[in-house]
Protein backbone atom coordinates (compact mmCIF):
# COMPACT_ATOMS: atom_id res chain seq x y z
CA UNK A 1 165.89 -6.38 58.78
CA UNK A 2 166.21 -2.65 58.91
CA UNK A 3 165.69 -0.92 62.10
CA UNK A 4 163.13 1.74 62.37
CA UNK A 5 165.15 3.36 65.45
CA UNK A 6 167.67 5.86 64.06
CA UNK A 7 170.13 5.10 67.81
CA UNK A 8 170.95 1.31 68.99
CA UNK A 9 169.44 0.00 71.94
CA UNK A 10 172.51 0.44 73.86
CA UNK A 11 172.81 4.40 73.02
CA UNK A 12 168.87 5.10 74.05
CA UNK A 13 169.46 2.57 77.17
CA UNK A 14 173.05 4.37 78.29
CA UNK A 15 170.95 7.81 77.86
CA UNK A 16 167.97 7.10 79.92
CA UNK A 17 170.43 5.28 82.69
CA UNK A 18 172.41 8.61 83.00
CA UNK A 19 169.58 10.97 83.29
CA UNK A 20 167.67 9.10 86.10
CA UNK A 21 171.27 7.68 87.81
CA UNK A 22 171.05 7.80 91.03
CA UNK A 23 167.78 6.71 91.54
CA UNK A 24 165.69 8.97 92.97
CA UNK A 25 162.37 7.97 94.88
CA UNK A 26 159.58 10.03 93.99
CA UNK A 27 155.46 9.84 94.34
CA UNK A 28 153.38 9.13 91.28
CA UNK A 29 152.62 12.88 91.59
CA UNK A 30 155.58 14.07 92.13
CA UNK A 31 157.09 12.19 89.12
CA UNK A 32 153.97 13.99 86.78
CA UNK A 33 155.23 17.25 88.71
CA UNK A 34 159.03 16.49 87.38
CA UNK A 35 157.85 15.66 83.59
CA UNK A 36 155.42 18.42 83.48
CA UNK A 37 158.78 21.21 84.32
CA UNK A 38 160.80 19.22 81.86
CA UNK A 39 158.10 18.98 79.02
CA UNK A 40 155.41 21.32 80.04
CA UNK A 41 153.61 21.80 76.64
CA UNK A 42 154.35 18.34 75.08
CA UNK A 43 151.23 15.80 74.46
CA UNK A 44 150.79 13.44 77.63
CA UNK A 45 147.30 11.82 76.87
CA UNK A 46 145.57 11.94 73.81
CA UNK A 47 142.28 10.73 73.45
CA UNK A 48 140.24 10.86 70.34
CA UNK A 49 140.89 14.51 69.12
CA UNK A 50 141.35 15.75 72.58
CA UNK A 51 145.20 16.59 73.64
CA UNK A 52 146.19 17.14 77.25
CA UNK A 53 149.66 18.18 77.87
CA UNK A 54 152.05 17.23 80.82
CA UNK A 55 151.35 21.10 82.27
CA UNK A 56 147.35 20.35 81.68
CA UNK A 57 147.58 16.74 83.31
CA UNK A 58 149.34 18.27 86.54
CA UNK A 59 147.27 21.37 86.95
CA UNK A 60 144.20 19.14 86.30
CA UNK A 61 145.16 16.58 89.21
CA UNK A 62 146.23 19.06 91.79
CA UNK A 63 142.63 20.68 91.22
CA UNK A 64 141.24 17.03 91.93
CA UNK A 65 143.34 16.54 94.79
CA UNK A 66 141.94 19.80 96.30
CA UNK A 67 138.36 18.40 95.97
CA UNK A 68 139.36 14.97 97.67
CA UNK A 69 140.65 17.10 100.37
CA UNK A 70 137.84 19.07 100.62
CA UNK A 71 135.70 16.03 100.80
CA UNK A 72 137.69 14.53 103.73
CA UNK A 73 139.66 12.05 102.06
CA UNK A 74 142.44 11.31 104.39
CA UNK A 75 146.41 10.50 104.08
CA UNK A 76 146.43 6.49 103.88
CA UNK A 77 142.65 6.09 103.38
CA UNK A 78 141.57 4.10 100.18
CA UNK A 79 139.79 5.59 97.20
CA UNK A 80 137.92 3.21 94.78
CA UNK A 81 137.37 4.21 91.17
CA UNK A 82 135.53 2.31 88.37
CA UNK A 83 136.67 4.01 85.44
CA UNK A 84 137.53 2.77 81.97
CA UNK A 85 140.34 4.47 79.85
CA UNK A 86 139.08 7.95 80.36
CA UNK A 87 141.29 10.97 80.42
CA UNK A 88 139.82 11.10 84.12
CA UNK A 89 141.18 8.12 85.23
CA UNK A 90 145.02 9.13 84.85
CA UNK A 91 143.84 13.09 86.99
CA UNK A 92 142.14 10.99 89.57
CA UNK A 93 145.04 8.70 89.81
CA UNK A 94 147.68 11.29 89.99
CA UNK A 95 145.28 12.99 92.45
CA UNK A 96 145.07 10.28 94.81
CA UNK A 97 148.53 10.22 94.86
CA UNK A 98 148.95 13.58 95.58
CA UNK A 99 147.01 13.50 98.50
CA UNK A 100 148.64 10.62 100.09
CA UNK A 101 145.41 8.40 99.64
CA UNK A 102 145.35 4.70 98.29
CA UNK A 103 144.04 3.95 95.29
CA UNK A 104 141.72 1.01 94.37
CA UNK A 105 141.30 0.69 90.68
CA UNK A 106 138.56 -1.73 90.18
CA UNK A 107 137.69 -4.34 87.28
CA UNK A 108 135.24 -2.36 85.40
CA UNK A 109 133.71 -5.79 84.05
CA UNK A 110 132.91 -6.64 87.73
CA UNK A 111 129.18 -7.08 88.76
CA UNK A 112 127.43 -6.41 91.68
CA UNK A 113 128.79 -8.77 93.85
CA UNK A 114 132.04 -8.50 92.95
CA UNK A 115 132.26 -4.81 93.41
CA UNK A 116 130.96 -5.16 96.79
CA UNK A 117 133.18 -7.45 97.64
CA UNK A 118 136.31 -5.47 96.74
CA UNK A 119 134.60 -2.01 98.34
CA UNK A 120 134.06 -4.30 101.92
CA UNK A 121 137.22 -6.06 101.37
CA UNK A 122 139.60 -2.74 100.57
CA UNK A 123 137.81 -0.30 103.08
CA UNK A 124 137.08 2.54 100.60
CA UNK A 125 135.74 5.47 101.91
CA UNK A 126 135.08 6.94 98.65
CA UNK A 127 133.90 5.61 95.27
CA UNK A 128 134.34 7.29 91.98
CA UNK A 129 132.27 5.59 89.33
CA UNK A 130 131.27 5.83 85.91
CA UNK A 131 127.30 5.74 85.59
CA UNK A 132 127.18 2.93 83.09
CA UNK A 133 129.53 1.36 80.57
CA UNK A 134 128.67 -0.74 77.77
CA UNK A 135 125.99 -3.18 79.35
CA UNK A 136 126.84 -2.52 82.95
CA UNK A 137 124.74 0.17 85.08
CA UNK A 138 127.00 0.76 87.80
CA UNK A 139 124.27 3.09 89.62
CA UNK A 140 121.94 0.45 89.93
CA UNK A 141 124.16 -1.83 91.25
CA UNK A 142 125.17 0.70 94.10
CA UNK A 143 120.73 1.43 94.46
CA UNK A 144 120.30 -2.69 95.02
CA UNK A 145 123.13 -2.55 97.50
CA UNK A 146 122.78 0.88 99.51
CA UNK A 147 119.54 2.50 98.29
CA UNK A 148 120.79 5.82 99.75
CA UNK A 149 124.19 5.84 98.45
CA UNK A 150 123.92 9.07 96.60
CA UNK A 151 123.66 11.12 99.92
CA UNK A 152 124.53 8.95 102.87
CA UNK A 153 127.23 6.54 101.20
CA UNK A 154 127.15 2.85 101.78
CA UNK A 155 124.87 2.32 104.37
CA UNK A 156 124.99 -1.44 106.35
CA UNK A 157 125.91 -3.16 103.19
CA UNK A 158 129.51 -1.29 102.59
CA UNK A 159 130.30 0.30 106.16
CA UNK A 160 132.77 2.24 105.56
CA UNK A 161 132.03 3.60 102.17
CA UNK A 162 131.46 7.36 103.24
CA UNK A 163 130.49 9.24 99.68
CA UNK A 164 130.30 8.35 95.94
CA UNK A 165 131.44 10.59 93.52
CA UNK A 166 129.62 10.16 89.51
CA UNK A 167 131.55 10.26 86.23
CA UNK A 168 128.87 10.59 83.29
CA UNK A 169 130.29 7.76 81.34
CA UNK A 170 127.54 6.30 78.73
CA UNK A 171 124.70 7.10 81.02
CA UNK A 172 122.67 10.11 82.33
CA UNK A 173 124.70 10.42 85.75
CA UNK A 174 122.09 10.40 89.08
CA UNK A 175 120.43 13.81 90.49
CA UNK A 176 121.57 14.49 93.75
CA UNK A 177 124.61 12.54 93.46
CA UNK A 178 128.11 14.49 93.34
CA UNK A 179 129.14 14.55 89.90
CA UNK A 180 133.12 14.23 89.18
CA UNK A 181 133.33 17.78 87.64
CA UNK A 182 132.77 19.13 91.12
CA UNK A 183 136.12 17.86 92.24
CA UNK A 184 137.79 19.83 90.32
CA UNK A 185 138.13 23.10 92.84
CA UNK A 186 140.77 25.62 93.56
CA UNK A 187 144.41 24.45 94.43
CA UNK A 188 145.25 23.98 98.25
CA UNK A 189 148.90 22.90 100.24
CA UNK A 190 149.19 19.01 99.23
CA UNK A 191 150.85 17.08 101.91
CA UNK A 192 154.30 15.68 102.13
CA UNK A 193 153.62 11.65 100.83
CA UNK A 194 156.46 9.06 101.48
CA UNK A 195 157.28 7.60 98.22
CA UNK A 196 157.68 4.35 100.38
CA UNK A 197 153.96 4.22 101.14
CA UNK A 198 151.29 2.31 99.59
CA UNK A 199 150.24 4.07 96.24
CA UNK A 200 147.49 1.28 94.78
CA UNK A 201 145.63 -1.91 95.54
CA UNK A 202 145.22 -3.87 92.64
CA UNK A 203 143.09 -6.85 92.92
CA UNK A 204 143.69 -9.66 91.38
CA UNK A 205 141.29 -11.26 88.84
CA UNK A 206 143.37 -14.73 89.16
CA UNK A 207 143.39 -17.63 87.09
CA UNK A 208 142.22 -20.26 89.88
CA UNK A 209 140.42 -18.14 92.55
CA UNK A 210 138.75 -15.16 93.98
CA UNK A 211 140.57 -11.96 93.99
CA UNK A 212 143.07 -10.26 96.44
CA UNK A 213 144.59 -6.86 97.00
CA UNK A 214 147.94 -6.60 95.53
CA UNK A 215 149.52 -3.61 97.56
CA UNK A 216 152.27 -1.17 95.63
CA UNK A 217 154.41 1.78 96.69
CA UNK A 218 154.78 4.50 94.65
CA UNK A 219 158.24 3.75 94.18
CA UNK A 220 157.63 0.13 93.47
CA UNK A 221 155.36 1.02 90.50
CA UNK A 222 157.68 3.97 89.00
CA UNK A 223 160.86 1.64 89.13
CA UNK A 224 158.82 -0.53 87.44
CA UNK A 225 157.60 1.78 85.09
CA UNK A 226 161.09 3.23 84.36
CA UNK A 227 162.23 -0.45 83.89
CA UNK A 228 159.87 -0.85 81.19
CA UNK A 229 161.58 2.00 79.29
CA UNK A 230 164.62 1.35 79.97
CA UNK A 231 164.56 -2.52 79.14
CA UNK A 232 162.89 -1.80 75.82
CA UNK A 233 165.12 1.32 75.23
CA UNK A 234 162.40 4.02 74.55
CA UNK A 235 163.28 6.62 72.48
CA UNK A 236 162.52 10.67 73.52
CA UNK A 237 158.77 11.21 73.03
CA UNK A 238 157.33 7.53 72.18
CA UNK A 239 153.94 7.38 71.91
CA UNK A 240 152.04 4.46 73.56
CA UNK A 241 148.60 3.32 72.24
CA UNK A 242 146.48 0.18 74.15
CA UNK A 243 143.05 -0.56 74.72
CA UNK A 244 144.40 -2.73 77.83
CA UNK A 245 142.33 -1.31 81.17
CA UNK A 246 144.51 1.06 82.96
CA UNK A 247 142.58 -0.67 85.95
CA UNK A 248 145.61 -3.43 85.25
CA UNK A 249 149.35 -3.16 85.74
CA UNK A 250 149.97 -3.91 81.95
CA UNK A 251 148.29 -0.86 80.47
CA UNK A 252 149.08 1.39 84.01
CA UNK A 253 152.89 0.75 84.33
CA UNK A 254 153.72 -0.08 80.81
CA UNK A 255 151.75 2.57 79.38
CA UNK A 256 150.74 5.69 81.37
CA UNK A 257 153.40 5.38 83.61
CA UNK A 258 156.50 4.31 81.65
CA UNK A 259 155.77 7.32 79.63
CA UNK A 260 156.58 9.98 81.85
CA UNK A 261 160.23 9.05 81.35
CA UNK A 262 160.74 10.35 78.07
CA UNK A 263 158.11 12.89 77.86
CA UNK A 264 156.35 10.53 75.61
CA UNK A 265 152.45 10.16 75.12
CA UNK A 266 149.53 7.30 75.95
CA UNK A 267 146.46 7.06 73.39
CA UNK A 268 144.14 4.86 75.07
CA UNK A 269 141.45 3.45 73.85
CA UNK A 270 138.29 2.37 75.81
CA UNK A 271 137.85 -1.01 73.65
CA UNK A 272 139.88 -2.97 71.87
CA UNK A 273 139.09 -2.53 67.90
CA UNK A 274 141.87 -3.69 65.46
CA UNK A 275 140.54 -1.11 62.67
CA UNK A 276 140.41 1.58 65.21
CA UNK A 277 143.81 0.86 66.70
CA UNK A 278 145.30 0.82 62.96
CA UNK A 279 143.74 3.90 62.44
CA UNK A 280 145.18 5.99 65.39
CA UNK A 281 148.53 4.73 64.57
CA UNK A 282 148.06 6.81 61.43
CA UNK A 283 146.11 9.89 63.06
CA UNK A 284 148.19 10.22 65.79
CA UNK A 285 151.71 8.78 64.51
CA UNK A 286 151.63 6.28 67.72
CA UNK A 287 155.65 4.77 67.70
CA UNK A 288 154.49 1.78 70.19
CA UNK A 289 151.24 -0.86 70.56
CA UNK A 290 150.73 -2.73 73.78
CA UNK A 291 149.02 -5.77 73.15
CA UNK A 292 147.94 -9.30 74.37
CA UNK A 293 148.78 -11.93 71.67
CA UNK A 294 145.04 -12.14 70.40
CA UNK A 295 145.08 -8.52 69.99
CA UNK A 296 148.05 -8.39 68.08
CA UNK A 297 146.68 -11.33 65.81
CA UNK A 298 143.59 -9.25 65.18
CA UNK A 299 145.58 -6.46 64.00
CA UNK A 300 147.33 -8.29 61.78
CA UNK A 301 144.35 -9.64 60.07
CA UNK A 302 142.69 -6.37 59.99
CA UNK A 303 145.36 -5.12 57.48
CA UNK A 304 144.59 -7.50 55.10
CA UNK A 305 142.96 -5.57 52.34
CA UNK A 306 143.18 -2.61 54.20
CA UNK A 307 145.46 0.40 53.43
CA UNK A 308 146.58 2.81 56.35
CA UNK A 309 149.90 4.41 56.93
CA UNK A 310 151.86 2.42 59.86
CA UNK A 311 155.59 4.00 59.39
CA UNK A 312 155.35 5.61 62.44
CA UNK A 313 155.71 2.32 64.53
CA UNK A 314 158.70 1.68 66.11
CA UNK A 315 157.84 -1.17 68.76
CA UNK A 316 155.33 -3.65 69.65
CA UNK A 317 154.91 -5.46 73.03
CA UNK A 318 152.84 -8.47 72.73
CA UNK A 319 152.42 -9.99 76.01
CA UNK A 320 150.39 -11.78 78.49
CA UNK A 321 149.02 -14.72 77.10
CA UNK A 322 149.62 -17.60 75.14
CA UNK A 323 151.24 -16.96 71.30
CA UNK A 324 149.92 -18.39 68.36
CA UNK A 325 152.05 -20.48 66.39
CA UNK A 326 153.78 -18.10 63.68
CA UNK A 327 153.03 -14.85 64.97
CA UNK A 328 156.32 -13.08 65.12
CA UNK A 329 157.39 -14.17 61.69
CA UNK A 330 153.74 -12.53 60.53
CA UNK A 331 154.58 -9.50 62.64
CA UNK A 332 158.07 -9.09 61.49
CA UNK A 333 156.97 -9.46 57.88
CA UNK A 334 154.49 -7.49 58.31
CA UNK A 335 156.46 -4.54 60.00
CA UNK A 336 159.68 -4.48 58.58
CA UNK A 337 162.06 -3.17 61.09
CA UNK A 338 160.31 -3.14 64.01
CA UNK A 339 161.35 -3.82 67.67
CA UNK A 340 159.16 -6.66 69.01
CA UNK A 341 159.28 -7.64 72.56
CA UNK A 342 157.43 -9.86 75.05
CA UNK A 343 157.47 -10.36 78.42
CA UNK A 344 155.80 -12.09 81.44
CA UNK A 345 154.98 -10.47 84.76
CA UNK A 346 152.09 -10.28 87.23
CA UNK A 347 150.53 -7.79 89.88
CA UNK A 348 152.46 -9.00 92.78
CA UNK A 349 155.64 -8.27 91.05
CA UNK A 350 154.51 -5.10 89.46
CA UNK A 351 154.09 -5.74 85.95
CA UNK A 352 156.64 -7.21 83.65
CA UNK A 353 159.74 -8.71 85.37
CA UNK A 354 161.26 -10.36 82.29
CA UNK A 355 161.47 -9.10 78.48
CA UNK A 356 163.27 -9.80 75.17
CA UNK A 357 165.53 -7.15 74.41
CA UNK A 358 164.57 -5.24 70.96
CA UNK A 359 167.49 -6.35 69.35
CA UNK A 360 167.24 -10.27 70.34
CA UNK A 361 167.19 -12.46 67.56
CA UNK A 362 163.86 -14.11 66.71
CA UNK A 363 164.52 -17.59 68.45
CA UNK A 364 164.70 -15.62 71.53
CA UNK A 365 160.77 -14.70 71.19
CA UNK A 366 159.80 -18.19 69.67
CA UNK A 367 161.05 -19.71 72.56
CA UNK A 368 161.53 -17.70 75.62
CA UNK A 369 159.03 -15.12 77.48
CA UNK A 370 162.48 -12.85 77.97
CA UNK A 371 165.44 -12.47 80.14
CA UNK A 372 165.44 -11.20 83.82
CA UNK A 373 164.66 -7.49 82.98
CA UNK A 374 167.20 -5.19 83.78
CA UNK A 375 166.28 -1.73 84.94
CA UNK A 376 169.22 0.04 85.41
CA UNK A 377 169.53 2.91 87.99
CA UNK A 378 166.35 1.71 89.41
CA UNK A 379 167.35 -1.71 90.24
CA UNK A 380 168.85 -3.71 92.71
CA UNK A 381 172.54 -4.09 92.26
CA UNK A 382 172.81 -6.88 94.48
CA UNK A 383 170.66 -8.80 92.21
CA UNK A 384 172.16 -7.97 88.64
CA UNK A 385 170.25 -4.47 88.60
CA UNK A 386 167.12 -5.83 88.39
CA UNK A 387 163.65 -5.40 90.91
CA UNK A 388 163.12 -8.95 90.70
CA UNK A 389 164.90 -12.07 90.60
CA UNK A 390 163.90 -15.55 90.26
CA UNK A 391 164.57 -19.14 91.03
CA UNK A 392 163.03 -22.67 89.87
CA UNK A 393 162.23 -25.31 92.53
CA UNK A 394 160.20 -28.58 92.24
CA UNK A 395 156.53 -28.19 93.49
CA UNK A 396 156.56 -31.70 95.11
CA UNK A 397 159.56 -30.56 97.77
CA UNK A 398 160.62 -27.17 97.42
CA UNK A 399 163.90 -28.07 96.53
CA UNK A 400 166.06 -25.63 93.94
CA UNK A 401 166.46 -26.85 90.59
CA UNK A 402 169.06 -26.18 87.87
CA UNK A 403 169.14 -24.12 84.82
CA UNK A 404 166.78 -25.40 82.31
CA UNK A 405 164.80 -27.65 84.36
CA UNK A 406 160.92 -26.85 84.77
CA UNK A 407 159.40 -25.95 88.03
CA UNK A 408 157.65 -23.43 89.82
CA UNK A 409 159.11 -20.10 89.69
CA UNK A 410 159.79 -18.25 92.48
CA UNK A 411 160.13 -14.43 93.11
CA UNK A 412 161.74 -12.43 95.51
CA UNK A 413 163.14 -8.85 95.45
CA UNK A 414 162.14 -4.87 95.93
CA UNK A 415 159.64 -4.96 93.02
CA UNK A 416 157.38 -7.88 95.23
CA UNK A 417 154.60 -6.79 97.02
CA UNK A 418 154.88 -7.11 100.91
CA UNK A 419 151.34 -9.21 100.49
CA UNK A 420 147.75 -8.91 100.25
CA UNK A 421 145.84 -6.03 102.11
CA UNK A 422 144.19 -7.67 105.14
CA UNK A 423 144.56 -11.22 104.07
CA UNK A 424 147.14 -12.17 106.53
CA UNK A 425 146.55 -15.98 105.76
CA UNK A 426 146.96 -15.63 102.04
CA UNK A 427 149.84 -13.73 102.32
CA UNK A 428 151.55 -16.27 104.76
CA UNK A 429 150.52 -18.40 102.21
CA UNK A 430 152.17 -17.09 99.30
CA UNK A 431 155.64 -16.80 100.46
CA UNK A 432 158.02 -19.32 101.58
CA UNK A 433 160.20 -19.09 104.77
CA UNK A 434 163.30 -17.26 102.79
CA UNK A 435 160.68 -14.50 101.68
CA UNK A 436 160.31 -16.19 98.10
CA UNK A 437 156.98 -15.52 96.63
CA UNK A 438 155.06 -18.49 94.83
CA UNK A 439 154.13 -17.26 91.89
CA UNK A 440 152.08 -20.46 91.19
CA UNK A 441 153.48 -20.21 87.23
CA UNK A 442 155.46 -23.08 85.78
CA UNK A 443 158.77 -22.66 84.12
CA UNK A 444 162.11 -22.87 83.52
CA UNK A 445 165.27 -20.32 83.31
CA UNK A 446 168.15 -21.11 80.66
CA UNK A 447 172.02 -20.14 81.90
CA UNK A 448 171.57 -16.58 80.37
CA UNK A 449 168.66 -15.76 82.36
CA UNK A 450 165.55 -16.55 79.90
CA UNK A 451 162.73 -17.63 81.04
CA UNK A 452 160.15 -19.64 79.42
CA UNK A 453 156.67 -20.26 80.73
CA UNK A 454 155.10 -23.93 80.79
CA UNK A 455 151.55 -23.39 82.17
CA UNK A 456 150.26 -22.90 85.68
CA UNK A 457 150.94 -25.11 88.84
CA UNK A 458 146.96 -25.40 89.42
CA UNK A 459 146.02 -25.67 86.17
CA UNK A 460 148.02 -28.89 85.60
CA UNK A 461 146.28 -32.19 86.24
CA UNK A 462 146.68 -35.80 86.53
CA UNK A 463 145.03 -38.18 84.18
CA UNK A 464 145.08 -41.93 85.16
CA UNK A 465 148.18 -41.12 87.24
CA UNK A 466 150.35 -39.49 84.84
CA UNK A 467 150.79 -35.04 84.79
CA UNK A 468 149.59 -33.40 82.47
CA UNK A 469 150.22 -29.89 81.05
CA UNK A 470 147.57 -27.94 79.57
CA UNK A 471 149.98 -25.61 77.55
CA UNK A 472 151.25 -28.70 75.48
CA UNK A 473 147.84 -29.59 74.39
CA UNK A 474 146.86 -26.12 73.53
CA UNK A 475 150.16 -25.79 71.48
CA UNK A 476 149.02 -28.97 69.04
CA UNK A 477 145.58 -27.75 68.59
CA UNK A 478 146.62 -24.19 67.57
CA UNK A 479 148.54 -25.66 64.72
CA UNK A 480 145.43 -26.77 63.20
CA UNK A 481 144.35 -24.89 60.62
CA UNK A 482 141.20 -24.63 62.30
CA UNK A 483 141.29 -23.67 65.81
CA UNK A 484 142.16 -19.71 66.02
CA UNK A 485 142.32 -20.70 70.03
CA UNK A 486 142.54 -23.43 72.27
CA UNK A 487 142.30 -23.51 75.82
CA UNK A 488 142.39 -26.71 78.21
CA UNK A 489 141.03 -27.38 81.70
CA UNK A 490 140.62 -30.21 83.71
CA UNK A 491 137.34 -32.08 84.97
CA UNK A 492 136.46 -34.77 87.48
CA UNK A 493 136.38 -38.32 85.81
CA UNK A 494 135.76 -41.29 88.16
CA UNK A 495 138.14 -43.62 86.10
CA UNK A 496 140.83 -41.54 85.41
CA UNK A 497 140.91 -39.07 88.07
CA UNK A 498 140.73 -35.89 86.16
CA UNK A 499 140.38 -35.47 82.07
CA UNK A 500 141.04 -32.78 79.76
CA UNK A 501 138.30 -30.80 78.32
CA UNK A 502 139.44 -28.45 75.34
CA UNK A 503 137.47 -25.34 74.64
CA UNK A 504 138.17 -24.46 70.84
CA UNK A 505 137.35 -21.08 68.91
CA UNK A 506 137.31 -21.81 65.12
CA UNK A 507 138.93 -19.67 62.76
CA UNK A 508 136.07 -17.84 60.45
CA UNK A 509 135.54 -19.94 57.53
CA UNK A 510 136.30 -23.40 59.10
CA UNK A 511 133.60 -25.67 60.49
CA UNK A 512 134.12 -27.08 64.22
CA UNK A 513 134.67 -30.43 64.13
CA UNK A 514 135.63 -31.74 67.27
CA UNK A 515 136.19 -35.93 66.59
CA UNK A 516 138.78 -34.34 63.99
CA UNK A 517 140.60 -31.99 66.64
CA UNK A 518 140.70 -35.18 69.11
CA UNK A 519 142.41 -37.51 66.18
CA UNK A 520 144.60 -34.56 65.62
CA UNK A 521 145.63 -34.63 68.96
CA UNK A 522 145.56 -38.42 68.88
CA UNK A 523 148.45 -38.55 66.06
CA UNK A 524 150.61 -36.04 68.17
CA UNK A 525 150.63 -37.01 71.98
CA UNK A 526 150.58 -39.57 74.41
CA UNK A 527 147.19 -41.25 75.10
CA UNK A 528 146.71 -39.59 78.34
CA UNK A 529 147.51 -35.62 77.26
CA UNK A 530 144.40 -36.22 74.54
CA UNK A 531 141.55 -34.19 75.58
CA UNK A 532 138.55 -36.48 76.13
CA UNK A 533 135.68 -33.50 75.00
CA UNK A 534 136.19 -30.57 72.53
CA UNK A 535 133.84 -28.15 73.05
CA UNK A 536 133.18 -24.94 71.05
CA UNK A 537 133.39 -21.39 72.58
CA UNK A 538 133.16 -17.81 70.82
CA UNK A 539 136.35 -15.75 71.49
CA UNK A 540 134.77 -13.14 73.52
CA UNK A 541 132.99 -15.62 75.85
CA UNK A 542 136.66 -17.26 76.97
CA UNK A 543 136.64 -15.59 80.82
CA UNK A 544 139.88 -13.69 80.85
CA UNK A 545 141.96 -11.97 83.61
CA UNK A 546 142.50 -8.36 82.48
CA UNK A 547 146.16 -9.03 81.19
CA UNK A 548 144.65 -11.68 78.95
CA UNK A 549 145.22 -15.09 80.80
CA UNK A 550 142.15 -17.31 80.45
CA UNK A 551 140.34 -18.08 83.94
CA UNK A 552 140.73 -21.58 83.68
CA UNK A 553 138.69 -22.63 87.23
CA UNK A 554 135.74 -21.05 85.04
CA UNK A 555 136.26 -22.94 82.33
CA UNK A 556 136.27 -26.12 84.24
CA UNK A 557 132.79 -25.07 85.58
CA UNK A 558 131.64 -24.29 82.69
CA UNK A 559 132.94 -27.72 81.25
CA UNK A 560 131.82 -29.52 84.17
CA UNK A 561 128.38 -27.90 83.73
CA UNK A 562 127.98 -29.06 79.86
CA UNK A 563 128.79 -32.50 80.89
CA UNK A 564 126.45 -32.57 83.69
CA UNK A 565 129.28 -33.40 86.19
CA UNK A 566 128.38 -30.03 88.43
């Protein structure tokens, strides 16, 4: 296989390590200013046919920061933003950082009560929101929560919310409300901000329960972003394209922030379309794609019968969900010499904490979720220049397990959050007495430090007293030629305690035949693992977290409703 990179992984990592050693803590805005001094005229953000250079983005952010100060936002206060991947998202994020406030990026798919929950729980004093996006009308949501929001803030429903700023996205704005463009004013002196202070409160939309606000500091985010560039050996000027929302750590840290360290550019899309992704690679000479496995599969499928120049691509990161069988072989066959990586991470650990090396053998992609990530000068030398260390414990008694044994993954290190905002009980529950975080993920770590995910602690269930891990059933189902996706969730059963229900997305051109799929599993799995029911589901109806993980508790509820168990 011929590499698309002219220099080796080791050479590129050596250059990055030398440039940022010793590590100097900065704020997010401070890092943007550093990059703007080094690469003032380079493109930083490419959106359709528009380009913002590093100098343009730094100036825009300074002016928005001045507007935030004029609006009364003070250091340490919380500013919520409901914003898709528009360039304004980047300018606003850096502006919030510049004034020492804390950003609360809200999932743009949230409905009224979910939005209200985040605004109340975070105690946001300002909300910057799109007027509408796709089928979501955020201003109508605000009307229903607090009719006088445009002039008086959140009222009794949202008592901490002093003001709302409206970004005109796909609607008409709102007369009388402050438009986003009014935040851009003449620059003013900015306060000194501690890089160790909170930069973001990112709400988990977890696979098993209600959202919690993960607190992340400026320095944590930048160390993790540098770690992405270092572990994946970014070349100078890497161009990263993604449709992943920047309100989640994947697109935010691995894309928007990581590009800063090599004078690179980001090419964000508002929504994922596989053909548009490929056209963008050709149009803007994109060198890197950030994808979840279902996106990767869609891109590969779109290439069939579609002529496009993808010769600029040097790397692909496909992570965040279950990998369909044969995916890696298809990528390598389609993009000869491409550097593929996959990894594992979570918001509580500031994005990816394990990643395969770009020069790893294919076997590592097939069997692991990457090696504990060495982030060079940004890491802690006491834990092998990492930000996060892991160990595996027996979930039943907390005993530390040996390499290769399956148990719950526990995380500790400078890349791990100090806790959840204003949720002391949830924070205390998340950590053990030694400060190790319960990730809730089941996995194993081999003697070389490579981690393999098995499933979720709370997603596993007992059928007739036997422990069942849904991922094992999903892997069997996804080998069936008619199955594109499979998601298994438990429901209560009077006789067996719990039984499995498989939700299946059928491949185009194939019929949905539930009994045939049950028979397929019966021939390959122990009886207690065979799903009792197989239900159809459309791909866009699978409830996902922003990183692409299915929200199994919602699938369990859907199954129970369908089966009349609610």
